[in-house]
């Protein structure tokens, strides 16, 4: 369901029974491990995370790595950060 380099690849799943009795499978929220950072970047007004991820990590789909490095669960949570920690691209 997820690509091998996705933050959700090894997160696991569980089942939830909804009020109407139907059962759905839910992906667990992955544990994040900030790891080593290589510096900080001052985010410009309206600057998108995928652009920053490409600039520093050479992969626009790695915006989740920016979230992990900054202790943010989602890109929306990282939007409030003016300074963004940049993770080691080799992680």
PDB file of N, CA and C in Angstrom:
ATOM      1  N   UNK A   1       0.817  -1.188   0.000  1.00  0.00           N
ATOM      2  CA  UNK A   1       0.000   0.000   0.000  1.00  0.00           C
ATOM      3  C   UNK A   1       0.867   1.261   0.000  1.00  0.00           C
ATOM      4  N   UNK A   2       1.984   1.246   0.744  1.00  0.00           N
ATOM      5  CA  UNK A   2       2.903   2.374   0.773  1.00  0.00           C
ATOM      6  C   UNK A   2       4.220   1.956   0.135  1.00  0.00           C
ATOM      7  N   UNK A   3       4.898   2.912  -0.489  1.00  0.00           N
ATOM      8  CA  UNK A   3       6.198   2.580  -1.064  1.00  0.00           C
ATOM      9  C   UNK A   3       7.197   2.303   0.053  1.00  0.00           C
ATOM     10  N   UNK A   4       8.254   1.604  -0.271  1.00  0.00           N
ATOM     11  CA  UNK A   4       9.218   1.180   0.744  1.00  0.00           C
ATOM     12  C   UNK A   4       9.926   2.339   1.429  1.00  0.00           C
ATOM     13  N   UNK A   5       9.989   3.519   0.792  1.00  0.00           N
ATOM     14  CA  UNK A   5      10.647   4.657   1.426  1.00  0.00           C
ATOM     15  C   UNK A   5       9.663   5.620   2.104  1.00  0.00           C
ATOM     16  N   UNK A   6       8.407   5.205   2.221  1.00  0.00           N
ATOM     17  CA  UNK A   6       7.392   6.013   2.888  1.00  0.00           C
ATOM     18  C   UNK A   6       7.563   5.942   4.402  1.00  0.00           C
ATOM     19  N   UNK A   7       7.239   7.027   5.101  1.00  0.00           N
ATOM     20  CA  UNK A   7       7.296   7.016   6.567  1.00  0.00           C
ATOM     21  C   UNK A   7       6.279   6.045   7.142  1.00  0.00           C
ATOM     22  N   UNK A   8       5.296   5.616   6.352  1.00  0.00           N
ATOM     23  CA  UNK A   8       4.252   4.702   6.813  1.00  0.00           C
ATOM     24  C   UNK A   8       4.522   3.238   6.449  1.00  0.00           C
ATOM     25  N   UNK A   9       5.609   2.967   5.749  1.00  0.00           N
ATOM     26  CA  UNK A   9       5.892   1.621   5.240  1.00  0.00           C
ATOM     27  C   UNK A   9       5.875   0.562   6.335  1.00  0.00           C
ATOM     28  N   UNK A  10       6.433   0.854   7.498  1.00  0.00           N
ATOM     29  CA  UNK A  10       6.502  -0.129   8.584  1.00  0.00           C
ATOM     30  C   UNK A  10       5.686   0.280   9.804  1.00  0.00           C
ATOM     31  N   UNK A  11       4.746   1.197   9.620  1.00  0.00           N
ATOM     32  CA  UNK A  11       3.976   1.720  10.751  1.00  0.00           C
ATOM     33  C   UNK A  11       2.978   0.706  11.302  1.00  0.00           C
ATOM     34  N   UNK A  12       2.480  -0.180  10.473  1.00  0.00           N
ATOM     35  CA  UNK A  12       1.490  -1.154  10.912  1.00  0.00           C
ATOM     36  C   UNK A  12       0.074  -0.608  10.835  1.00  0.00           C
ATOM     37  N   UNK A  13      -0.878  -1.492  11.068  1.00  0.00           N
ATOM     38  CA  UNK A  13      -2.291  -1.117  10.997  1.00  0.00           C
ATOM     39  C   UNK A  13      -3.051  -1.698  12.183  1.00  0.00           C
ATOM     40  N   UNK A  14      -4.273  -1.241  12.353  1.00  0.00           N
ATOM     41  CA  UNK A  14      -5.191  -1.825  13.327  1.00  0.00           C
ATOM     42  C   UNK A  14      -6.606  -1.617  12.806  1.00  0.00           C
ATOM     43  N   UNK A  15      -7.566  -2.326  13.416  1.00  0.00           N
ATOM     44  CA  UNK A  15      -8.954  -2.225  12.974  1.00  0.00           C
ATOM     45  C   UNK A  15      -9.764  -1.399  13.954  1.00  0.00           C
ATOM     46  N   UNK A  16     -10.715  -0.646  13.400  1.00  0.00           N
ATOM     47  CA  UNK A  16     -11.616   0.173  14.199  1.00  0.00           C
ATOM     48  C   UNK A  16     -13.038  -0.158  13.769  1.00  0.00           C
ATOM     49  N   UNK A  17     -13.909  -0.357  14.742  1.00  0.00           N
ATOM     50  CA  UNK A  17     -15.319  -0.583  14.443  1.00  0.00           C
ATOM     51  C   UNK A  17     -16.053   0.746  14.570  1.00  0.00           C
ATOM     52  N   UNK A  18     -16.708   1.161  13.505  1.00  0.00           N
ATOM     53  CA  UNK A  18     -17.432   2.431  13.482  1.00  0.00           C
ATOM     54  C   UNK A  18     -18.803   2.286  14.128  1.00  0.00           C
ATOM     55  N   UNK A  19     -19.455   3.388  14.356  1.00  0.00           N
ATOM     56  CA  UNK A  19     -20.761   3.396  15.020  1.00  0.00           C
ATOM     57  C   UNK A  19     -21.804   2.562  14.274  1.00  0.00           C
ATOM     58  N   UNK A  20     -21.690   2.468  12.949  1.00  0.00           N
ATOM     59  CA  UNK A  20     -22.656   1.683  12.170  1.00  0.00           C
ATOM     60  C   UNK A  20     -22.306   0.196  12.115  1.00  0.00           C
ATOM     61  N   UNK A  21     -21.235  -0.199  12.811  1.00  0.00           N
ATOM     62  CA  UNK A  21     -20.829  -1.600  12.865  1.00  0.00           C
ATOM     63  C   UNK A  21     -19.808  -2.006  11.821  1.00  0.00           C
ATOM     64  N   UNK A  22     -19.539  -1.139  10.865  1.00  0.00           N
ATOM     65  CA  UNK A  22     -18.549  -1.483   9.849  1.00  0.00           C
ATOM     66  C   UNK A  22     -17.143  -1.393  10.452  1.00  0.00           C
ATOM     67  N   UNK A  23     -16.259  -2.202   9.907  1.00  0.00           N
ATOM     68  CA  UNK A  23     -14.880  -2.260  10.396  1.00  0.00           C
ATOM     69  C   UNK A  23     -13.962  -1.681   9.325  1.00  0.00           C
ATOM     70  N   UNK A  24     -13.081  -0.806   9.741  1.00  0.00           N
ATOM     71  CA  UNK A  24     -12.111  -0.217   8.816  1.00  0.00           C
ATOM     72  C   UNK A  24     -10.703  -0.479   9.335  1.00  0.00           C
ATOM     73  N   UNK A  25      -9.759  -0.563   8.411  1.00  0.00           N
ATOM     74  CA  UNK A  25      -8.354  -0.737   8.765  1.00  0.00           C
ATOM     75  C   UNK A  25      -7.701   0.643   8.741  1.00  0.00           C
ATOM     76  N   UNK A  26      -6.965   0.945   9.804  1.00  0.00           N
ATOM     77  CA  UNK A  26      -6.354   2.257   9.974  1.00  0.00           C
ATOM     78  C   UNK A  26      -4.837   2.088  10.079  1.00  0.00           C
ATOM     79  N   UNK A  27      -4.104   2.990   9.438  1.00  0.00           N
ATOM     80  CA  UNK A  27      -2.643   2.976   9.538  1.00  0.00           C
ATOM     81  C   UNK A  27      -2.229   3.697  10.814  1.00  0.00           C
ATOM     82  N   UNK A  28      -1.307   3.090  11.551  1.00  0.00           N
ATOM     83  CA  UNK A  28      -0.798   3.715  12.775  1.00  0.00           C
ATOM     84  C   UNK A  28       0.025   4.950  12.423  1.00  0.00           C
ATOM     85  N   UNK A  29       0.055   5.900  13.339  1.00  0.00           N
ATOM     86  CA  UNK A  29       0.919   7.067  13.176  1.00  0.00           C
ATOM     87  C   UNK A  29       2.338   6.595  13.465  1.00  0.00           C
ATOM     88  N   UNK A  30       3.250   6.780  12.535  1.00  0.00           N
ATOM     89  CA  UNK A  30       4.611   6.279  12.742  1.00  0.00           C
ATOM     90  C   UNK A  30       5.341   7.051  13.838  1.00  0.00           C
ATOM     91  N   UNK A  31       6.192   6.324  14.565  1.00  0.00           N
ATOM     92  CA  UNK A  31       7.051   6.992  15.530  1.00  0.00           C
ATOM     93  C   UNK A  31       8.101   7.767  14.751  1.00  0.00           C
ATOM     94  N   UNK A  32       8.394   8.953  15.214  1.00  0.00           N
ATOM     95  CA  UNK A  32       9.398   9.750  14.519  1.00  0.00           C
ATOM     96  C   UNK A  32      10.683   9.787  15.338  1.00  0.00           C
ATOM     97  N   UNK A  33      11.773   9.771  14.632  1.00  0.00           N
ATOM     98  CA  UNK A  33      13.089   9.840  15.235  1.00  0.00           C
ATOM     99  C   UNK A  33      13.842  10.965  14.540  1.00  0.00           C
ATOM    100  N   UNK A  34      13.933  12.129  15.186  1.00  0.00           N
ATOM    101  CA  UNK A  34      14.520  13.282  14.516  1.00  0.00           C
ATOM    102  C   UNK A  34      15.891  13.042  13.889  1.00  0.00           C
ATOM    103  N   UNK A  35      16.743  12.295  14.542  1.00  0.00           N
ATOM    104  CA  UNK A  35      18.060  12.055  13.959  1.00  0.00           C
ATOM    105  C   UNK A  35      18.921  13.305  13.944  1.00  0.00           C
ATOM    106  N   UNK A  36      20.000  13.223  13.208  1.00  0.00           N
ATOM    107  CA  UNK A  36      20.969  14.314  13.141  1.00  0.00           C
ATOM    108  C   UNK A  36      20.492  15.375  12.149  1.00  0.00           C
ATOM    109  N   UNK A  37      20.629  16.632  12.540  1.00  0.00           N
ATOM    110  CA  UNK A  37      20.312  17.721  11.620  1.00  0.00           C
ATOM    111  C   UNK A  37      21.613  18.370  11.169  1.00  0.00           C
ATOM    112  N   UNK A  38      21.551  18.983   9.996  1.00  0.00           N
ATOM    113  CA  UNK A  38      22.750  19.600   9.438  1.00  0.00           C
ATOM    114  C   UNK A  38      22.692  21.122   9.468  1.00  0.00           C
ATOM    115  N   UNK A  39      21.572  21.674   9.901  1.00  0.00           N
ATOM    116  CA  UNK A  39      21.454  23.125   9.981  1.00  0.00           C
ATOM    117  C   UNK A  39      20.005  23.559  10.057  1.00  0.00           C
ATOM    118  N   UNK A  40      19.824  24.860   9.897  1.00  0.00           N
ATOM    119  CA  UNK A  40      18.502  25.475   9.987  1.00  0.00           C
ATOM    120  C   UNK A  40      18.244  26.290   8.728  1.00  0.00           C
ATOM    121  N   UNK A  41      16.967  26.398   8.369  1.00  0.00           N
ATOM    122  CA  UNK A  41      16.575  27.180   7.204  1.00  0.00           C
ATOM    123  C   UNK A  41      15.431  28.098   7.617  1.00  0.00           C
ATOM    124  N   UNK A  42      15.552  29.371   7.298  1.00  0.00           N
ATOM    125  CA  UNK A  42      14.474  30.327   7.584  1.00  0.00           C
ATOM    126  C   UNK A  42      13.488  30.282   6.420  1.00  0.00           C
ATOM    127  N   UNK A  43      12.315  29.794   6.722  1.00  0.00           N
ATOM    128  CA  UNK A  43      11.276  29.612   5.715  1.00  0.00           C
ATOM    129  C   UNK A  43      10.683  30.956   5.302  1.00  0.00           C
ATOM    130  N   UNK A  44      10.572  31.164   4.004  1.00  0.00           N
ATOM    131  CA  UNK A  44       9.985  32.395   3.477  1.00  0.00           C
ATOM    132  C   UNK A  44       8.459  32.319   3.491  1.00  0.00           C
ATOM    133  N   UNK A  45       7.827  33.444   3.427  1.00  0.00           N
ATOM    134  CA  UNK A  45       6.366  33.543   3.409  1.00  0.00           C
ATOM    135  C   UNK A  45       5.784  32.681   2.287  1.00  0.00           C
ATOM    136  N   UNK A  46       4.944  31.729   2.635  1.00  0.00           N
ATOM    137  CA  UNK A  46       4.282  30.877   1.659  1.00  0.00           C
ATOM    138  C   UNK A  46       5.166  29.822   1.009  1.00  0.00           C
ATOM    139  N   UNK A  47       6.380  29.673   1.476  1.00  0.00           N
ATOM    140  CA  UNK A  47       7.300  28.699   0.871  1.00  0.00           C
ATOM    141  C   UNK A  47       6.852  27.277   1.203  1.00  0.00           C
ATOM    142  N   UNK A  48       6.711  26.461   0.178  1.00  0.00           N
ATOM    143  CA  UNK A  48       6.193  25.103   0.343  1.00  0.00           C
ATOM    144  C   UNK A  48       7.268  24.135   0.811  1.00  0.00           C
ATOM    145  N   UNK A  49       6.823  23.157   1.626  1.00  0.00           N
ATOM    146  CA  UNK A  49       7.757  22.166   2.159  1.00  0.00           C
ATOM    147  C   UNK A  49       8.348  21.271   1.084  1.00  0.00           C
ATOM    148  N   UNK A  50       7.580  20.951   0.044  1.00  0.00           N
ATOM    149  CA  UNK A  50       8.134  20.089  -0.995  1.00  0.00           C
ATOM    150  C   UNK A  50       9.284  20.776  -1.726  1.00  0.00           C
ATOM    151  N   UNK A  51       9.216  22.092  -1.860  1.00  0.00           N
ATOM    152  CA  UNK A  51      10.293  22.841  -2.497  1.00  0.00           C
ATOM    153  C   UNK A  51      11.533  22.844  -1.602  1.00  0.00           C
ATOM    154  N   UNK A  52      11.315  23.038  -0.301  1.00  0.00           N
ATOM    155  CA  UNK A  52      12.433  23.011   0.649  1.00  0.00           C
ATOM    156  C   UNK A  52      13.049  21.611   0.687  1.00  0.00           C
ATOM    157  N   UNK A  53      12.202  20.583   0.688  1.00  0.00           N
ATOM    158  CA  UNK A  53      12.704  19.203   0.697  1.00  0.00           C
ATOM    159  C   UNK A  53      13.549  18.933  -0.543  1.00  0.00           C
ATOM    160  N   UNK A  54      13.107  19.406  -1.692  1.00  0.00           N
ATOM    161  CA  UNK A  54      13.892  19.198  -2.906  1.00  0.00           C
ATOM    162  C   UNK A  54      15.220  19.957  -2.833  1.00  0.00           C
ATOM    163  N   UNK A  55      15.166  21.181  -2.315  1.00  0.00           N
ATOM    164  CA  UNK A  55      16.374  22.008  -2.239  1.00  0.00           C
ATOM    165  C   UNK A  55      17.452  21.350  -1.375  1.00  0.00           C
ATOM    166  N   UNK A  56      17.049  20.776  -0.240  1.00  0.00           N
ATOM    167  CA  UNK A  56      18.037  20.242   0.692  1.00  0.00           C
ATOM    168  C   UNK A  56      18.197  18.724   0.655  1.00  0.00           C
ATOM    169  N   UNK A  57      17.128  18.011   0.308  1.00  0.00           N
ATOM    170  CA  UNK A  57      17.166  16.547   0.339  1.00  0.00           C
ATOM    171  C   UNK A  57      17.135  15.936  -1.059  1.00  0.00           C
ATOM    172  N   UNK A  58      17.006  16.772  -2.074  1.00  0.00           N
ATOM    173  CA  UNK A  58      16.982  16.357  -3.484  1.00  0.00           C
ATOM    174  C   UNK A  58      15.822  15.415  -3.808  1.00  0.00           C
ATOM    175  N   UNK A  59      14.727  15.536  -3.012  1.00  0.00           N
ATOM    176  CA  UNK A  59      13.538  14.716  -3.232  1.00  0.00           C
ATOM    177  C   UNK A  59      12.336  15.459  -2.654  1.00  0.00           C
ATOM    178  N   UNK A  60      11.471  15.947  -3.515  1.00  0.00           N
ATOM    179  CA  UNK A  60      10.310  16.725  -3.073  1.00  0.00           C
ATOM    180  C   UNK A  60       9.336  15.907  -2.233  1.00  0.00           C
ATOM    181  N   UNK A  61       9.377  14.584  -2.378  1.00  0.00           N
ATOM    182  CA  UNK A  61       8.448  13.742  -1.610  1.00  0.00           C
ATOM    183  C   UNK A  61       8.936  13.508  -0.178  1.00  0.00           C
ATOM    184  N   UNK A  62      10.097  14.016   0.169  1.00  0.00           N
ATOM    185  CA  UNK A  62      10.654  13.820   1.511  1.00  0.00           C
ATOM    186  C   UNK A  62      10.305  14.956   2.470  1.00  0.00           C
ATOM    187  N   UNK A  63       9.216  15.668   2.213  1.00  0.00           N
ATOM    188  CA  UNK A  63       8.810  16.726   3.143  1.00  0.00           C
ATOM    189  C   UNK A  63       8.484  16.137   4.512  1.00  0.00           C
ATOM    190  N   UNK A  64       8.113  14.864   4.543  1.00  0.00           N
ATOM    191  CA  UNK A  64       7.860  14.190   5.833  1.00  0.00           C
ATOM    192  C   UNK A  64       9.132  14.140   6.676  1.00  0.00           C
ATOM    193  N   UNK A  65      10.326  14.080   6.032  1.00  0.00           N
ATOM    194  CA  UNK A  65      11.586  14.063   6.776  1.00  0.00           C
ATOM    195  C   UNK A  65      11.805  15.412   7.468  1.00  0.00           C
ATOM    196  N   UNK A  66      11.347  16.490   6.833  1.00  0.00           N
ATOM    197  CA  UNK A  66      11.407  17.799   7.480  1.00  0.00           C
ATOM    198  C   UNK A  66      10.496  17.813   8.710  1.00  0.00           C
ATOM    199  N   UNK A  67       9.321  17.230   8.572  1.00  0.00           N
ATOM    200  CA  UNK A  67       8.396  17.146   9.716  1.00  0.00           C
ATOM    201  C   UNK A  67       9.040  16.366  10.859  1.00  0.00           C
ATOM    202  N   UNK A  68       9.619  15.215  10.553  1.00  0.00           N
ATOM    203  CA  UNK A  68      10.270  14.396  11.580  1.00  0.00           C
ATOM    204  C   UNK A  68      11.384  15.166  12.285  1.00  0.00           C
ATOM    205  N   UNK A  69      12.205  15.863  11.522  1.00  0.00           N
ATOM    206  CA  UNK A  69      13.343  16.590  12.084  1.00  0.00           C
ATOM    207  C   UNK A  69      12.899  17.724  13.004  1.00  0.00           C
ATOM    208  N   UNK A  70      11.661  18.174  12.812  1.00  0.00           N
ATOM    209  CA  UNK A  70      11.154  19.299  13.587  1.00  0.00           C
ATOM    210  C   UNK A  70      10.089  18.899  14.603  1.00  0.00           C
ATOM    211  N   UNK A  71       9.894  17.601  14.783  1.00  0.00           N
ATOM    212  CA  UNK A  71       8.909  17.133  15.752  1.00  0.00           C
ATOM    213  C   UNK A  71       7.481  17.493  15.395  1.00  0.00           C
ATOM    214  N   UNK A  72       7.208  17.613  14.115  1.00  0.00           N
ATOM    215  CA  UNK A  72       5.871  17.964  13.640  1.00  0.00           C
ATOM    216  C   UNK A  72       5.203  16.722  13.056  1.00  0.00           C
ATOM    217  N   UNK A  73       3.985  16.460  13.471  1.00  0.00           N
ATOM    218  CA  UNK A  73       3.278  15.279  13.003  1.00  0.00           C
ATOM    219  C   UNK A  73       2.865  15.400  11.539  1.00  0.00           C
ATOM    220  N   UNK A  74       2.577  16.620  11.112  1.00  0.00           N
ATOM    221  CA  UNK A  74       2.103  16.818   9.738  1.00  0.00           C
ATOM    222  C   UNK A  74       2.688  18.114   9.168  1.00  0.00           C
ATOM    223  N   UNK A  75       2.627  18.259   7.855  1.00  0.00           N
ATOM    224  CA  UNK A  75       3.103  19.506   7.243  1.00  0.00           C
ATOM    225  C   UNK A  75       2.353  20.735   7.770  1.00  0.00           C
ATOM    226  N   UNK A  76       1.072  20.591   8.068  1.00  0.00           N
ATOM    227  CA  UNK A  76       0.321  21.720   8.614  1.00  0.00           C
ATOM    228  C   UNK A  76       0.887  22.167   9.956  1.00  0.00           C
ATOM    229  N   UNK A  77       1.327  21.212  10.771  1.00  0.00           N
ATOM    230  CA  UNK A  77       1.914  21.549  12.064  1.00  0.00           C
ATOM    231  C   UNK A  77       3.251  22.264  11.877  1.00  0.00           C
ATOM    232  N   UNK A  78       3.968  21.931  10.825  1.00  0.00           N
ATOM    233  CA  UNK A  78       5.259  22.562  10.557  1.00  0.00           C
ATOM    234  C   UNK A  78       5.092  23.964   9.975  1.00  0.00           C
ATOM    235  N   UNK A  79       3.918  24.266   9.457  1.00  0.00           N
ATOM    236  CA  UNK A  79       3.667  25.573   8.855  1.00  0.00           C
ATOM    237  C   UNK A  79       3.874  26.715   9.845  1.00  0.00           C
ATOM    238  N   UNK A  80       3.721  26.452  11.129  1.00  0.00           N
ATOM    239  CA  UNK A  80       3.886  27.491  12.148  1.00  0.00           C
ATOM    240  C   UNK A  80       5.351  27.768  12.463  1.00  0.00           C
ATOM    241  N   UNK A  81       6.256  26.938  11.968  1.00  0.00           N
ATOM    242  CA  UNK A  81       7.681  27.099  12.253  1.00  0.00           C
ATOM    243  C   UNK A  81       8.318  28.079  11.269  1.00  0.00           C
ATOM    244  N   UNK A  82       8.982  29.084  11.798  1.00  0.00           N
ATOM    245  CA  UNK A  82       9.717  30.014  10.940  1.00  0.00           C
ATOM    246  C   UNK A  82      11.087  29.438  10.593  1.00  0.00           C
ATOM    247  N   UNK A  83      11.728  28.808  11.591  1.00  0.00           N
ATOM    248  CA  UNK A  83      13.001  28.135  11.361  1.00  0.00           C
ATOM    249  C   UNK A  83      12.759  26.646  11.261  1.00  0.00           C
ATOM    250  N   UNK A  84      13.303  26.043  10.222  1.00  0.00           N
ATOM    251  CA  UNK A  84      13.106  24.616   9.991  1.00  0.00           C
ATOM    252  C   UNK A  84      14.448  23.915  10.091  1.00  0.00           C
ATOM    253  N   UNK A  85      14.507  22.910  10.958  1.00  0.00           N
ATOM    254  CA  UNK A  85      15.706  22.083  11.054  1.00  0.00           C
ATOM    255  C   UNK A  85      15.796  21.224   9.800  1.00  0.00           C
ATOM    256  N   UNK A  86      16.971  21.141   9.229  1.00  0.00           N
ATOM    257  CA  UNK A  86      17.195  20.342   8.022  1.00  0.00           C
ATOM    258  C   UNK A  86      17.891  19.042   8.432  1.00  0.00           C
ATOM    259  N   UNK A  87      17.240  17.902   8.154  1.00  0.00           N
ATOM    260  CA  UNK A  87      17.841  16.617   8.533  1.00  0.00           C
ATOM    261  C   UNK A  87      19.018  16.254   7.628  1.00  0.00           C
ATOM    262  N   UNK A  88      19.842  15.390   8.131  1.00  0.00           N
ATOM    263  CA  UNK A  88      20.948  14.846   7.341  1.00  0.00           C
ATOM    264  C   UNK A  88      20.345  14.133   6.135  1.00  0.00           C
ATOM    265  N   UNK A  89      20.702  14.517   4.909  1.00  0.00           N
ATOM    266  CA  UNK A  89      20.107  13.894   3.731  1.00  0.00           C
ATOM    267  C   UNK A  89      20.407  12.399   3.610  1.00  0.00           C
ATOM    268  N   UNK A  90      21.421  11.928   4.296  1.00  0.00           N
ATOM    269  CA  UNK A  90      21.768  10.517   4.222  1.00  0.00           C
ATOM    270  C   UNK A  90      20.997   9.625   5.163  1.00  0.00           C
ATOM    271  N   UNK A  91      20.096  10.207   5.929  1.00  0.00           N
ATOM    272  CA  UNK A  91      19.366   9.379   6.918  1.00  0.00           C
ATOM    273  C   UNK A  91      18.387   8.459   6.284  1.00  0.00           C
TER     274      UNK A  91
END
